Amino acid sequence: APGTVHTPSWEDRVKAFKDPAQAKKDFIARQPMGRLGTPEEIANLAVYLASDESDFVTGVTHAIDGGMSI
């Protein structure tokens, strides 16, 4: 379950705000880690889940949201 991830799509949505620069600051300020996630971080979890290393992992939601769900 990914949180806010810095992607081209996210950039496009932020541009719709009246003040995009302030909107970016506001999004980041809400993140417990003080930054947005990256696509690579989400991909790392996907690769792990698709690997043999996760053979015993079943039926769980992985929060990959920089602490938003704590």
C-alpha atoms as a PDB file:
ATOM      1  CA  ALA A   1       0.000   0.000   0.000  1.00  0.00           C
ATOM      2  CA  PRO A   2       2.113   2.888  -1.237  1.00  0.00           C
ATOM      3  CA  GLY A   3       1.841   6.404   0.079  1.00  0.00           C
ATOM      4  CA  THR A   4       2.564   9.543  -1.918  1.00  0.00           C
ATOM      5  CA  VAL A   5       5.161   8.789  -4.585  1.00  0.00           C
ATOM      6  CA  HIS A   6       7.035  11.388  -6.624  1.00  0.00           C
ATOM      7  CA  THR A   7       6.076  10.512 -10.206  1.00  0.00           C
ATOM      8  CA  PRO A   8       5.333  12.451 -13.398  1.00  0.00           C
ATOM      9  CA  SER A   9       1.636  11.868 -12.690  1.00  0.00           C
ATOM     10  CA  TRP A  10       1.999  13.387  -9.211  1.00  0.00           C
ATOM     11  CA  GLU A  11       3.826  16.386 -10.736  1.00  0.00           C
ATOM     12  CA  ASP A  12       0.946  16.872 -13.198  1.00  0.00           C
ATOM     13  CA  ARG A  13      -1.619  16.814 -10.379  1.00  0.00           C
ATOM     14  CA  VAL A  14       0.377  19.328  -8.323  1.00  0.00           C
ATOM     15  CA  LYS A  15       0.469  21.709 -11.298  1.00  0.00           C
ATOM     16  CA  ALA A  16      -3.328  21.970 -11.034  1.00  0.00           C
ATOM     17  CA  PHE A  17      -3.032  23.757  -7.674  1.00  0.00           C
ATOM     18  CA  LYS A  18      -3.178  27.547  -7.570  1.00  0.00           C
ATOM     19  CA  ASP A  19       0.337  27.611  -6.087  1.00  0.00           C
ATOM     20  CA  PRO A  20       2.170  24.435  -7.186  1.00  0.00           C
ATOM     21  CA  ALA A  21       5.329  25.266  -5.224  1.00  0.00           C
ATOM     22  CA  GLN A  22       3.351  25.621  -2.002  1.00  0.00           C
ATOM     23  CA  ALA A  23       1.370  22.462  -2.774  1.00  0.00           C
ATOM     24  CA  LYS A  24       4.644  20.512  -3.076  1.00  0.00           C
ATOM     25  CA  LYS A  25       5.820  21.895   0.266  1.00  0.00           C
ATOM     26  CA  ASP A  26       2.486  20.978   1.866  1.00  0.00           C
ATOM     27  CA  PHE A  27       2.604  17.398   0.544  1.00  0.00           C
ATOM     28  CA  ILE A  28       6.158  16.947   1.818  1.00  0.00           C
ATOM     29  CA  ALA A  29       5.356  18.528   5.198  1.00  0.00           C
ATOM     30  CA  ARG A  30       2.699  15.848   5.788  1.00  0.00           C
ATOM     31  CA  GLN A  31       5.213  13.040   5.296  1.00  0.00           C
ATOM     32  CA  PRO A  32       6.710  11.713   8.555  1.00  0.00           C
ATOM     33  CA  MET A  33      10.001  11.035   6.733  1.00  0.00           C
ATOM     34  CA  GLY A  34      10.056  14.569   5.314  1.00  0.00           C
ATOM     35  CA  ARG A  35      10.053  13.467   1.686  1.00  0.00           C
ATOM     36  CA  LEU A  36       7.963  11.664  -0.908  1.00  0.00           C
ATOM     37  CA  GLY A  37       8.512   8.066  -1.854  1.00  0.00           C
ATOM     38  CA  THR A  38      10.243   7.127  -5.083  1.00  0.00           C
ATOM     39  CA  PRO A  39       9.098   4.720  -7.782  1.00  0.00           C
ATOM     40  CA  GLU A  40      12.296   2.746  -7.161  1.00  0.00           C
ATOM     41  CA  GLU A  41      11.307   2.170  -3.521  1.00  0.00           C
ATOM     42  CA  ILE A  42       7.944   0.771  -4.589  1.00  0.00           C
ATOM     43  CA  ALA A  43       9.657  -1.357  -7.249  1.00  0.00           C
ATOM     44  CA  ASN A  44      12.060  -2.761  -4.641  1.00  0.00           C
ATOM     45  CA  LEU A  45       9.118  -4.110  -2.646  1.00  0.00           C
ATOM     46  CA  ALA A  46       7.508  -5.537  -5.791  1.00  0.00           C
ATOM     47  CA  VAL A  47      10.761  -7.296  -6.727  1.00  0.00           C
ATOM     48  CA  TYR A  48      11.042  -8.737  -3.222  1.00  0.00           C
ATOM     49  CA  LEU A  49       7.453  -9.997  -3.293  1.00  0.00           C
ATOM     50  CA  ALA A  50       8.045 -11.603  -6.700  1.00  0.00           C
ATOM     51  CA  SER A  51      11.256 -13.277  -5.534  1.00  0.00           C
ATOM     52  CA  ASP A  52      11.905 -16.580  -3.820  1.00  0.00           C
ATOM     53  CA  GLU A  53      12.913 -14.564  -0.740  1.00  0.00           C
ATOM     54  CA  SER A  54       9.227 -13.930   0.002  1.00  0.00           C
ATOM     55  CA  ASP A  55       8.086 -17.570  -0.245  1.00  0.00           C
ATOM     56  CA  PHE A  56       6.635 -17.571   3.269  1.00  0.00           C
ATOM     57  CA  VAL A  57       4.912 -14.160   2.945  1.00  0.00           C
ATOM     58  CA  THR A  58       1.164 -14.525   2.455  1.00  0.00           C
ATOM     59  CA  GLY A  59      -1.947 -12.388   2.833  1.00  0.00           C
ATOM     60  CA  VAL A  60      -0.375  -9.248   4.231  1.00  0.00           C
ATOM     61  CA  THR A  61      -0.569  -5.607   3.235  1.00  0.00           C
ATOM     62  CA  HIS A  62       2.832  -3.962   3.122  1.00  0.00           C
ATOM     63  CA  ALA A  63       2.639  -0.302   4.092  1.00  0.00           C
ATOM     64  CA  ILE A  64       5.294   1.455   2.050  1.00  0.00           C
ATOM     65  CA  ASP A  65       4.217   4.966   2.895  1.00  0.00           C
ATOM     66  CA  GLY A  66       7.090   6.609   4.749  1.00  0.00           C
ATOM     67  CA  GLY A  67       5.349   6.305   8.101  1.00  0.00           C
ATOM     68  CA  MET A  68       1.956   7.778   7.149  1.00  0.00           C
ATOM     69  CA  SER A  69       0.089   4.753   8.497  1.00  0.00           C
ATOM     70  CA  ILE A  70       1.789   4.640  11.888  1.00  0.00           C
END
